[in-house]
C-alpha cells in the first residue's frame, strides 16, 4: 500500500541497499541469508492475506457505502496508467533491472510497511466489521471509502508488478495517485468521527472505547499516509523509478549505437577487402 508490491518482495539474496549498521560485517553470511528469507516470507504471507481481503472489501464497500467519485476513481487511474504506458513512458523491454523491485528497502523499511498494512488495512477492516456488528452505520460509511480505494490499490499493484507492459515510472504512480486521493478521503473520515459523531448521554465504557478507537484510527491513517507520501513516495520512490527507467533507456540507446558502429565497421572492412581483391 505504500508501494509494497512494487517496493518490497520476498528475496533470499542479501539486500545491497541496507547499511552496514543494519547488516554488520561480523554477521555470518548464512545468517544474513536466513534473516532475509524470514523477512521475505513474512512479506509474501502479508501479500497473500491482503489479496484474500481485497475481494471481501470490494464487495461490501461497493454496496452503496462508497461515493460515486471514489467508485469511478480506479477506472480513471487504470485508463490513465495505460495511456502513460503507451504514450509517455513505454516499457523498454524485459531487462534484468526492470524485473526487479523499484525500491529494495532494509528490514526497518519492511517493518514500516507492515505497520502501514496494519494501520491502513487490518484495523480499518476490524473497525468496519465492528460497525456492522454494533449497528454503527456511521462508522461503516466513514471508513468504507478508504478501504475501497486501498483494496483497488493493492490489487493494481499486484497485477502490474508482474507485467512487462508497465515501465517503472508508471508502476510507481499507482501508490502515488491512490495515496493522494485517499488522504482526502481520510480527511473526510476524520471530519465524520471528530465533528459529526457524538457520544450518547448514557454511553457505557465499551461505547467510549469504540468512540475513541474510531477517532484515533482515522488520525493514525492520516499521519501514516501523509508521511508515506511526503517522506517516501515523492522524495525516494518516484525518483528511483525514473532513475531506473532513464538508465535502461540510455543503455539501450548506447547498445543500438554500438551495434550500428560495429555494422558500419564490418561493412567498411568488407568493402576494403573487395577493393583489394579487385
C-alpha atoms as a PDB file:
ATOM      1  CA  UNK A   1       0.000   0.000   0.000  1.00  0.00           C
ATOM      2  CA  UNK A   2       2.983   2.230   0.391  1.00  0.00           C
ATOM      3  CA  UNK A   3       4.096   0.616  -2.798  1.00  0.00           C
ATOM      4  CA  UNK A   4       4.565  -2.703  -1.014  1.00  0.00           C
ATOM      5  CA  UNK A   5       4.068  -4.854  -4.107  1.00  0.00           C
ATOM      6  CA  UNK A   6       6.383  -2.648  -6.138  1.00  0.00           C
ATOM      7  CA  UNK A   7       8.920  -1.833  -3.452  1.00  0.00           C
ATOM      8  CA  UNK A   8       9.415  -4.998  -1.426  1.00  0.00           C
ATOM      9  CA  UNK A   9       9.318  -8.653  -2.387  1.00  0.00           C
ATOM     10  CA  UNK A  10      10.496 -11.893  -0.843  1.00  0.00           C
ATOM     11  CA  UNK A  11      14.184 -12.252  -1.662  1.00  0.00           C
ATOM     12  CA  UNK A  12      16.822 -14.622  -0.384  1.00  0.00           C
ATOM     13  CA  UNK A  13      19.809 -12.610  -1.559  1.00  0.00           C
ATOM     14  CA  UNK A  14      21.374 -10.084   0.807  1.00  0.00           C
ATOM     15  CA  UNK A  15      19.947  -6.592   0.404  1.00  0.00           C
ATOM     16  CA  UNK A  16      22.551  -4.369  -1.207  1.00  0.00           C
ATOM     17  CA  UNK A  17      20.850  -1.203  -0.054  1.00  0.00           C
ATOM     18  CA  UNK A  18      20.961  -1.959   3.639  1.00  0.00           C
ATOM     19  CA  UNK A  19      23.531  -0.055   5.626  1.00  0.00           C
ATOM     20  CA  UNK A  20      26.462  -1.514   7.479  1.00  0.00           C
ATOM     21  CA  UNK A  21      24.664  -0.744  10.711  1.00  0.00           C
ATOM     22  CA  UNK A  22      21.715  -2.899   9.645  1.00  0.00           C
ATOM     23  CA  UNK A  23      23.988  -5.719   8.453  1.00  0.00           C
ATOM     24  CA  UNK A  24      27.336  -5.607  10.265  1.00  0.00           C
ATOM     25  CA  UNK A  25      30.271  -7.246   8.579  1.00  0.00           C
ATOM     26  CA  UNK A  26      30.805  -9.589  11.502  1.00  0.00           C
ATOM     27  CA  UNK A  27      27.411 -11.279  10.938  1.00  0.00           C
ATOM     28  CA  UNK A  28      27.942 -14.605   9.109  1.00  0.00           C
ATOM     29  CA  UNK A  29      26.749 -14.668   5.509  1.00  0.00           C
ATOM     30  CA  UNK A  30      24.440 -17.655   6.055  1.00  0.00           C
ATOM     31  CA  UNK A  31      22.800 -15.855   8.996  1.00  0.00           C
ATOM     32  CA  UNK A  32      22.133 -12.792   6.826  1.00  0.00           C
ATOM     33  CA  UNK A  33      20.555 -15.018   4.172  1.00  0.00           C
ATOM     34  CA  UNK A  34      18.381 -16.704   6.814  1.00  0.00           C
ATOM     35  CA  UNK A  35      17.175 -13.382   8.201  1.00  0.00           C
ATOM     36  CA  UNK A  36      16.399 -12.102   4.700  1.00  0.00           C
ATOM     37  CA  UNK A  37      14.454 -15.289   3.942  1.00  0.00           C
ATOM     38  CA  UNK A  38      12.406 -14.937   7.138  1.00  0.00           C
ATOM     39  CA  UNK A  39      11.549 -11.300   6.388  1.00  0.00           C
ATOM     40  CA  UNK A  40      10.756 -12.162   2.778  1.00  0.00           C
ATOM     41  CA  UNK A  41       8.443 -14.935   3.931  1.00  0.00           C
ATOM     42  CA  UNK A  42       6.599 -12.508   6.172  1.00  0.00           C
ATOM     43  CA  UNK A  43       6.155 -10.073   3.284  1.00  0.00           C
ATOM     44  CA  UNK A  44       4.972 -12.847   0.987  1.00  0.00           C
ATOM     45  CA  UNK A  45       2.410 -14.010   3.556  1.00  0.00           C
ATOM     46  CA  UNK A  46       1.322 -10.408   4.014  1.00  0.00           C
ATOM     47  CA  UNK A  47       0.573 -10.114   0.301  1.00  0.00           C
ATOM     48  CA  UNK A  48      -1.488 -13.305   0.330  1.00  0.00           C
ATOM     49  CA  UNK A  49      -3.549 -12.025   3.255  1.00  0.00           C
ATOM     50  CA  UNK A  50      -4.022  -8.668   1.525  1.00  0.00           C
ATOM     51  CA  UNK A  51      -5.284 -10.270  -1.676  1.00  0.00           C
ATOM     52  CA  UNK A  52      -7.659 -12.534   0.235  1.00  0.00           C
ATOM     53  CA  UNK A  53      -9.170  -9.486   1.885  1.00  0.00           C
ATOM     54  CA  UNK A  54      -9.433  -7.436  -1.317  1.00  0.00           C
ATOM     55  CA  UNK A  55     -12.406  -9.342  -2.744  1.00  0.00           C
ATOM     56  CA  UNK A  56     -14.278  -9.151   0.547  1.00  0.00           C
ATOM     57  CA  UNK A  57     -13.589  -5.441   0.960  1.00  0.00           C
ATOM     58  CA  UNK A  58     -14.646  -4.595  -2.579  1.00  0.00           C
ATOM     59  CA  UNK A  59     -17.964  -6.401  -2.178  1.00  0.00           C
ATOM     60  CA  UNK A  60     -19.194  -4.658   0.954  1.00  0.00           C
ATOM     61  CA  UNK A  61     -17.551  -1.325   0.091  1.00  0.00           C
ATOM     62  CA  UNK A  62     -19.323  -1.130  -3.259  1.00  0.00           C
ATOM     63  CA  UNK A  63     -22.752  -1.867  -1.784  1.00  0.00           C
ATOM     64  CA  UNK A  64     -23.917   1.731  -1.535  1.00  0.00           C
ATOM     65  CA  UNK A  65     -21.304   2.791   1.013  1.00  0.00           C
ATOM     66  CA  UNK A  66     -18.810   4.426  -1.363  1.00  0.00           C
ATOM     67  CA  UNK A  67     -19.404   7.800  -3.098  1.00  0.00           C
ATOM     68  CA  UNK A  68     -19.630   7.817  -6.886  1.00  0.00           C
ATOM     69  CA  UNK A  69     -16.359   9.747  -7.251  1.00  0.00           C
ATOM     70  CA  UNK A  70     -14.443   7.035  -5.395  1.00  0.00           C
ATOM     71  CA  UNK A  71     -16.168   4.315  -7.414  1.00  0.00           C
ATOM     72  CA  UNK A  72     -15.052   5.952 -10.666  1.00  0.00           C
ATOM     73  CA  UNK A  73     -11.520   6.789  -9.487  1.00  0.00           C
ATOM     74  CA  UNK A  74      -9.983   3.281 -10.024  1.00  0.00           C
ATOM     75  CA  UNK A  75     -11.304   3.228 -13.596  1.00  0.00           C
ATOM     76  CA  UNK A  76      -9.781   6.652 -14.262  1.00  0.00           C
ATOM     77  CA  UNK A  77      -6.427   5.573 -12.802  1.00  0.00           C
ATOM     78  CA  UNK A  78      -6.389   2.381 -14.877  1.00  0.00           C
ATOM     79  CA  UNK A  79      -7.079   4.237 -18.141  1.00  0.00           C
ATOM     80  CA  UNK A  80      -4.523   6.906 -17.252  1.00  0.00           C
ATOM     81  CA  UNK A  81      -1.812   4.341 -16.472  1.00  0.00           C
ATOM     82  CA  UNK A  82      -2.415   2.500 -19.745  1.00  0.00           C
ATOM     83  CA  UNK A  83      -2.220   5.800 -21.647  1.00  0.00           C
ATOM     84  CA  UNK A  84       1.053   6.691 -19.916  1.00  0.00           C
ATOM     85  CA  UNK A  85       2.498   3.269 -20.666  1.00  0.00           C
ATOM     86  CA  UNK A  86       1.708   3.733 -24.353  1.00  0.00           C
ATOM     87  CA  UNK A  87       2.410   7.419 -24.924  1.00  0.00           C
ATOM     88  CA  UNK A  88       4.716   8.861 -22.263  1.00  0.00           C
ATOM     89  CA  UNK A  89       6.749   6.083 -20.617  1.00  0.00           C
ATOM     90  CA  UNK A  90       6.680   2.956 -22.783  1.00  0.00           C
ATOM     91  CA  UNK A  91       8.495  -0.066 -21.442  1.00  0.00           C
ATOM     92  CA  UNK A  92      11.946  -0.660 -22.940  1.00  0.00           C
ATOM     93  CA  UNK A  93      11.631  -4.402 -22.874  1.00  0.00           C
ATOM     94  CA  UNK A  94      12.448  -7.136 -20.387  1.00  0.00           C
ATOM     95  CA  UNK A  95      15.766  -6.151 -18.892  1.00  0.00           C
ATOM     96  CA  UNK A  96      17.263  -7.606 -15.726  1.00  0.00           C
ATOM     97  CA  UNK A  97      16.675  -4.489 -13.654  1.00  0.00           C
ATOM     98  CA  UNK A  98      13.110  -3.846 -14.842  1.00  0.00           C
ATOM     99  CA  UNK A  99      12.080  -7.246 -13.497  1.00  0.00           C
ATOM    100  CA  UNK A 100      13.309  -6.340 -10.026  1.00  0.00           C
ATOM    101  CA  UNK A 101      11.605  -4.233  -7.399  1.00  0.00           C
ATOM    102  CA  UNK A 102      11.766  -0.462  -7.811  1.00  0.00           C
ATOM    103  CA  UNK A 103      12.958   0.100  -4.262  1.00  0.00           C
ATOM    104  CA  UNK A 104      14.683  -2.529  -2.157  1.00  0.00           C
ATOM    105  CA  UNK A 105      14.467  -1.332   1.418  1.00  0.00           C
ATOM    106  CA  UNK A 106      16.033  -2.526   4.638  1.00  0.00           C
ATOM    107  CA  UNK A 107      14.432  -4.659   7.328  1.00  0.00           C
ATOM    108  CA  UNK A 108      13.382  -1.444   9.071  1.00  0.00           C
ATOM    109  CA  UNK A 109      11.564  -0.370   5.915  1.00  0.00           C
ATOM    110  CA  UNK A 110       9.799  -3.735   5.736  1.00  0.00           C
ATOM    111  CA  UNK A 111       8.667  -3.252   9.317  1.00  0.00           C
ATOM    112  CA  UNK A 112       7.399   0.199   8.312  1.00  0.00           C
ATOM    113  CA  UNK A 113       5.362  -1.417   5.520  1.00  0.00           C
ATOM    114  CA  UNK A 114       3.896  -3.990   7.916  1.00  0.00           C
ATOM    115  CA  UNK A 115       2.895  -1.213  10.321  1.00  0.00           C
ATOM    116  CA  UNK A 116       1.219   0.611   7.429  1.00  0.00           C
ATOM    117  CA  UNK A 117      -0.673  -2.536   6.419  1.00  0.00           C
ATOM    118  CA  UNK A 118      -1.897  -2.956   9.976  1.00  0.00           C
ATOM    119  CA  UNK A 119      -2.918   0.690  10.401  1.00  0.00           C
ATOM    120  CA  UNK A 120      -4.300   1.131   6.894  1.00  0.00           C
ATOM    121  CA  UNK A 121      -5.926  -2.229   6.191  1.00  0.00           C
ATOM    122  CA  UNK A 122      -6.394  -4.597   9.117  1.00  0.00           C
ATOM    123  CA  UNK A 123      -7.536  -2.123  11.789  1.00  0.00           C
ATOM    124  CA  UNK A 124      -9.936  -0.211   9.463  1.00  0.00           C
ATOM    125  CA  UNK A 125     -11.354  -3.559   8.378  1.00  0.00           C
ATOM    126  CA  UNK A 126     -11.882  -4.500  12.027  1.00  0.00           C
ATOM    127  CA  UNK A 127     -13.472  -1.077  12.573  1.00  0.00           C
ATOM    128  CA  UNK A 128     -15.933  -1.579   9.706  1.00  0.00           C
ATOM    129  CA  UNK A 129     -16.802  -5.128  10.764  1.00  0.00           C
ATOM    130  CA  UNK A 130     -17.258  -3.907  14.313  1.00  0.00           C
ATOM    131  CA  UNK A 131     -19.526  -1.188  12.976  1.00  0.00           C
ATOM    132  CA  UNK A 132     -21.655  -3.811  11.253  1.00  0.00           C
ATOM    133  CA  UNK A 133     -21.825  -5.873  14.454  1.00  0.00           C
ATOM    134  CA  UNK A 134     -22.727  -2.866  16.605  1.00  0.00           C
ATOM    135  CA  UNK A 135     -25.169  -1.413  14.097  1.00  0.00           C
ATOM    136  CA  UNK A 136     -22.966   1.697  13.807  1.00  0.00           C
ATOM    137  CA  UNK A 137     -23.695   2.726  10.214  1.00  0.00           C
ATOM    138  CA  UNK A 138     -21.805   5.979  10.712  1.00  0.00           C
ATOM    139  CA  UNK A 139     -18.552   4.107  11.377  1.00  0.00           C
ATOM    140  CA  UNK A 140     -19.066   1.865   8.358  1.00  0.00           C
ATOM    141  CA  UNK A 141     -19.730   4.760   5.982  1.00  0.00           C
ATOM    142  CA  UNK A 142     -16.786   6.741   7.326  1.00  0.00           C
ATOM    143  CA  UNK A 143     -14.122   4.079   6.742  1.00  0.00           C
ATOM    144  CA  UNK A 144     -15.548   2.223   3.728  1.00  0.00           C
ATOM    145  CA  UNK A 145     -14.271   4.638   1.015  1.00  0.00           C
ATOM    146  CA  UNK A 146     -10.720   4.373   2.358  1.00  0.00           C
ATOM    147  CA  UNK A 147     -10.867   0.570   2.347  1.00  0.00           C
ATOM    148  CA  UNK A 148     -12.407   0.503  -1.116  1.00  0.00           C
ATOM    149  CA  UNK A 149      -9.627   2.635  -2.640  1.00  0.00           C
ATOM    150  CA  UNK A 150      -6.924   0.762  -0.730  1.00  0.00           C
ATOM    151  CA  UNK A 151      -8.222  -2.590  -1.980  1.00  0.00           C
ATOM    152  CA  UNK A 152      -8.035  -1.372  -5.565  1.00  0.00           C
ATOM    153  CA  UNK A 153      -4.539  -0.023  -4.966  1.00  0.00           C
ATOM    154  CA  UNK A 154      -3.322  -3.370  -3.620  1.00  0.00           C
ATOM    155  CA  UNK A 155      -4.971  -5.218  -6.491  1.00  0.00           C
ATOM    156  CA  UNK A 156      -3.476  -2.873  -9.103  1.00  0.00           C
ATOM    157  CA  UNK A 157       0.000  -3.045  -7.565  1.00  0.00           C
ATOM    158  CA  UNK A 158      -0.026  -6.832  -7.558  1.00  0.00           C
ATOM    159  CA  UNK A 159      -1.266  -7.037 -11.159  1.00  0.00           C
ATOM    160  CA  UNK A 160       1.113  -4.582 -12.813  1.00  0.00           C
ATOM    161  CA  UNK A 161       4.161  -5.647 -10.787  1.00  0.00           C
ATOM    162  CA  UNK A 162       4.357  -8.793 -12.903  1.00  0.00           C
ATOM    163  CA  UNK A 163       3.642  -7.220 -16.300  1.00  0.00           C
ATOM    164  CA  UNK A 164       6.455  -6.011 -18.547  1.00  0.00           C
ATOM    165  CA  UNK A 165       3.955  -3.687 -20.251  1.00  0.00           C
ATOM    166  CA  UNK A 166       4.356  -1.116 -17.479  1.00  0.00           C
ATOM    167  CA  UNK A 167       7.622   0.767 -17.019  1.00  0.00           C
ATOM    168  CA  UNK A 168       8.940   1.702 -13.543  1.00  0.00           C
ATOM    169  CA  UNK A 169       7.570   5.312 -13.607  1.00  0.00           C
ATOM    170  CA  UNK A 170       4.077   4.066 -14.469  1.00  0.00           C
ATOM    171  CA  UNK A 171       4.231   1.417 -11.764  1.00  0.00           C
ATOM    172  CA  UNK A 172       5.438   3.975  -9.215  1.00  0.00           C
ATOM    173  CA  UNK A 173       2.473   6.229  -9.977  1.00  0.00           C
ATOM    174  CA  UNK A 174      -0.003   3.624  -8.694  1.00  0.00           C
ATOM    175  CA  UNK A 175       0.641   4.099  -4.942  1.00  0.00           C
ATOM    176  CA  UNK A 176       1.248   7.810  -5.525  1.00  0.00           C
ATOM    177  CA  UNK A 177      -2.109   8.505  -7.201  1.00  0.00           C
ATOM    178  CA  UNK A 178      -4.089   6.335  -4.808  1.00  0.00           C
ATOM    179  CA  UNK A 179      -2.381   7.758  -1.725  1.00  0.00           C
ATOM    180  CA  UNK A 180      -3.100  11.345  -2.787  1.00  0.00           C
ATOM    181  CA  UNK A 181      -6.788  10.532  -3.268  1.00  0.00           C
ATOM    182  CA  UNK A 182      -7.024   8.538  -0.034  1.00  0.00           C
ATOM    183  CA  UNK A 183      -5.563  11.378   2.007  1.00  0.00           C
ATOM    184  CA  UNK A 184      -8.567  13.496   1.023  1.00  0.00           C
ATOM    185  CA  UNK A 185     -10.866  10.567   1.819  1.00  0.00           C
ATOM    186  CA  UNK A 186      -9.218  10.113   5.225  1.00  0.00           C
ATOM    187  CA  UNK A 187      -9.704  13.826   5.941  1.00  0.00           C
ATOM    188  CA  UNK A 188     -13.435  13.323   5.335  1.00  0.00           C
ATOM    189  CA  UNK A 189     -13.242  10.311   7.660  1.00  0.00           C
ATOM    190  CA  UNK A 190     -11.658  12.471  10.363  1.00  0.00           C
ATOM    191  CA  UNK A 191     -14.333  15.109   9.901  1.00  0.00           C
ATOM    192  CA  UNK A 192     -17.053  12.465  10.296  1.00  0.00           C
ATOM    193  CA  UNK A 193     -15.714  10.906  13.502  1.00  0.00           C
ATOM    194  CA  UNK A 194     -14.414  14.085  15.153  1.00  0.00           C
ATOM    195  CA  UNK A 195     -17.131  16.583  14.196  1.00  0.00           C
ATOM    196  CA  UNK A 196     -20.277  14.757  13.162  1.00  0.00           C
ATOM    197  CA  UNK A 197     -20.178  11.854  15.614  1.00  0.00           C
ATOM    198  CA  UNK A 198     -21.046  12.356  19.284  1.00  0.00           C
ATOM    199  CA  UNK A 199     -21.326  10.062  22.272  1.00  0.00           C
ATOM    200  CA  UNK A 200     -24.798   9.322  23.618  1.00  0.00           C
ATOM    201  CA  UNK A 201     -25.565  10.627  27.074  1.00  0.00           C
ATOM    202  CA  UNK A 202     -25.842   7.133  28.591  1.00  0.00           C
ATOM    203  CA  UNK A 203     -22.659   5.804  26.937  1.00  0.00           C
ATOM    204  CA  UNK A 204     -21.009   2.849  28.613  1.00  0.00           C
ATOM    205  CA  UNK A 205     -17.284   2.159  28.870  1.00  0.00           C
ATOM    206  CA  UNK A 206     -17.253  -0.033  25.741  1.00  0.00           C
ATOM    207  CA  UNK A 207     -19.071   2.703  23.810  1.00  0.00           C
ATOM    208  CA  UNK A 208     -16.459   5.255  24.894  1.00  0.00           C
ATOM    209  CA  UNK A 209     -13.630   2.905  23.904  1.00  0.00           C
ATOM    210  CA  UNK A 210     -15.225   2.317  20.499  1.00  0.00           C
ATOM    211  CA  UNK A 211     -15.751   6.049  20.040  1.00  0.00           C
ATOM    212  CA  UNK A 212     -12.103   6.892  20.698  1.00  0.00           C
ATOM    213  CA  UNK A 213     -10.865   3.906  18.702  1.00  0.00           C
ATOM    214  CA  UNK A 214     -12.547   5.364  15.610  1.00  0.00           C
ATOM    215  CA  UNK A 215     -11.108   8.821  16.252  1.00  0.00           C
ATOM    216  CA  UNK A 216      -7.576   7.519  16.862  1.00  0.00           C
ATOM    217  CA  UNK A 217      -7.651   5.204  13.853  1.00  0.00           C
ATOM    218  CA  UNK A 218      -8.623   7.997  11.472  1.00  0.00           C
ATOM    219  CA  UNK A 219      -5.831  10.238  12.755  1.00  0.00           C
ATOM    220  CA  UNK A 220      -3.297   7.386  12.623  1.00  0.00           C
ATOM    221  CA  UNK A 221      -4.141   6.752   8.977  1.00  0.00           C
ATOM    222  CA  UNK A 222      -3.780  10.423   8.083  1.00  0.00           C
ATOM    223  CA  UNK A 223      -0.400  10.631   9.846  1.00  0.00           C
ATOM    224  CA  UNK A 224       0.970   7.420   8.332  1.00  0.00           C
ATOM    225  CA  UNK A 225      -0.071   8.047   4.742  1.00  0.00           C
ATOM    226  CA  UNK A 226       0.970  11.694   4.860  1.00  0.00           C
ATOM    227  CA  UNK A 227       4.444  10.586   5.978  1.00  0.00           C
ATOM    228  CA  UNK A 228       4.378   7.879   3.332  1.00  0.00           C
ATOM    229  CA  UNK A 229       3.511  10.375   0.585  1.00  0.00           C
ATOM    230  CA  UNK A 230       5.810  13.253   1.521  1.00  0.00           C
ATOM    231  CA  UNK A 231       8.601  11.229   3.136  1.00  0.00           C
ATOM    232  CA  UNK A 232       8.886   8.196   0.857  1.00  0.00           C
ATOM    233  CA  UNK A 233       6.823   8.154  -2.350  1.00  0.00           C
ATOM    234  CA  UNK A 234       7.675  11.652  -3.588  1.00  0.00           C
ATOM    235  CA  UNK A 235      11.316  12.089  -2.483  1.00  0.00           C
ATOM    236  CA  UNK A 236      12.566   8.494  -2.844  1.00  0.00           C
ATOM    237  CA  UNK A 237      10.234   6.051  -4.592  1.00  0.00           C
ATOM    238  CA  UNK A 238       9.278   8.102  -7.667  1.00  0.00           C
ATOM    239  CA  UNK A 239      12.837   9.434  -8.345  1.00  0.00           C
ATOM    240  CA  UNK A 240      14.170   5.872  -8.062  1.00  0.00           C
ATOM    241  CA  UNK A 241      11.649   4.705 -10.666  1.00  0.00           C
ATOM    242  CA  UNK A 242      12.679   7.448 -13.107  1.00  0.00           C
ATOM    243  CA  UNK A 243      16.362   6.705 -12.442  1.00  0.00           C
ATOM    244  CA  UNK A 244      15.859   3.052 -13.406  1.00  0.00           C
ATOM    245  CA  UNK A 245      13.777   3.983 -16.446  1.00  0.00           C
ATOM    246  CA  UNK A 246      16.200   6.510 -17.935  1.00  0.00           C
ATOM    247  CA  UNK A 247      19.242   4.342 -17.167  1.00  0.00           C
ATOM    248  CA  UNK A 248      17.623   1.466 -19.068  1.00  0.00           C
ATOM    249  CA  UNK A 249      16.803   3.811 -21.952  1.00  0.00           C
ATOM    250  CA  UNK A 250      20.353   5.136 -22.100  1.00  0.00           C
ATOM    251  CA  UNK A 251      21.768   1.602 -22.022  1.00  0.00           C
ATOM    252  CA  UNK A 252      19.509   0.554 -24.888  1.00  0.00           C
ATOM    253  CA  UNK A 253      20.441   3.630 -26.932  1.00  0.00           C
ATOM    254  CA  UNK A 254      24.139   3.021 -26.261  1.00  0.00           C
ATOM    255  CA  UNK A 255      23.783  -0.611 -27.284  1.00  0.00           C
ATOM    256  CA  UNK A 256      21.990   0.373 -30.505  1.00  0.00           C
ATOM    257  CA  UNK A 257      24.665   2.971 -31.326  1.00  0.00           C
ATOM    258  CA  UNK A 258      27.392   0.415 -30.649  1.00  0.00           C
ATOM    259  CA  UNK A 259      25.677  -2.120 -32.915  1.00  0.00           C
ATOM    260  CA  UNK A 260      25.425   0.477 -35.678  1.00  0.00           C
ATOM    261  CA  UNK A 261      29.120   1.334 -35.351  1.00  0.00           C
ATOM    262  CA  UNK A 262      30.034  -2.365 -35.428  1.00  0.00           C
ATOM    263  CA  UNK A 263      27.876  -2.931 -38.500  1.00  0.00           C
ATOM    264  CA  UNK A 264      29.413   0.091 -40.230  1.00  0.00           C
ATOM    265  CA  UNK A 265      32.908  -1.092 -39.385  1.00  0.00           C
ATOM    266  CA  UNK A 266      32.156  -4.558 -40.744  1.00  0.00           C
ATOM    267  CA  UNK A 267      30.716  -3.051 -43.906  1.00  0.00           C
ATOM    268  CA  UNK A 268      33.740  -0.792 -44.447  1.00  0.00           C
ATOM    269  CA  UNK A 269      36.052  -3.738 -43.810  1.00  0.00           C
ATOM    270  CA  UNK A 270      34.244  -5.873 -46.359  1.00  0.00           C
ATOM    271  CA  UNK A 271      34.301  -3.041 -48.890  1.00  0.00           C
ATOM    272  CA  UNK A 272      38.060  -2.538 -48.488  1.00  0.00           C
ATOM    273  CA  UNK A 273      38.610  -6.297 -48.820  1.00  0.00           C
ATOM    274  CA  UNK A 274      36.630  -6.357 -52.079  1.00  0.00           C
ATOM    275  CA  UNK A 275      38.692  -3.472 -53.483  1.00  0.00           C
ATOM    276  CA  UNK A 276      41.966  -5.242 -52.667  1.00  0.00           C
ATOM    277  CA  UNK A 277      40.679  -8.409 -54.341  1.00  0.00           C
ATOM    278  CA  UNK A 278      39.813  -6.474 -57.481  1.00  0.00           C
END
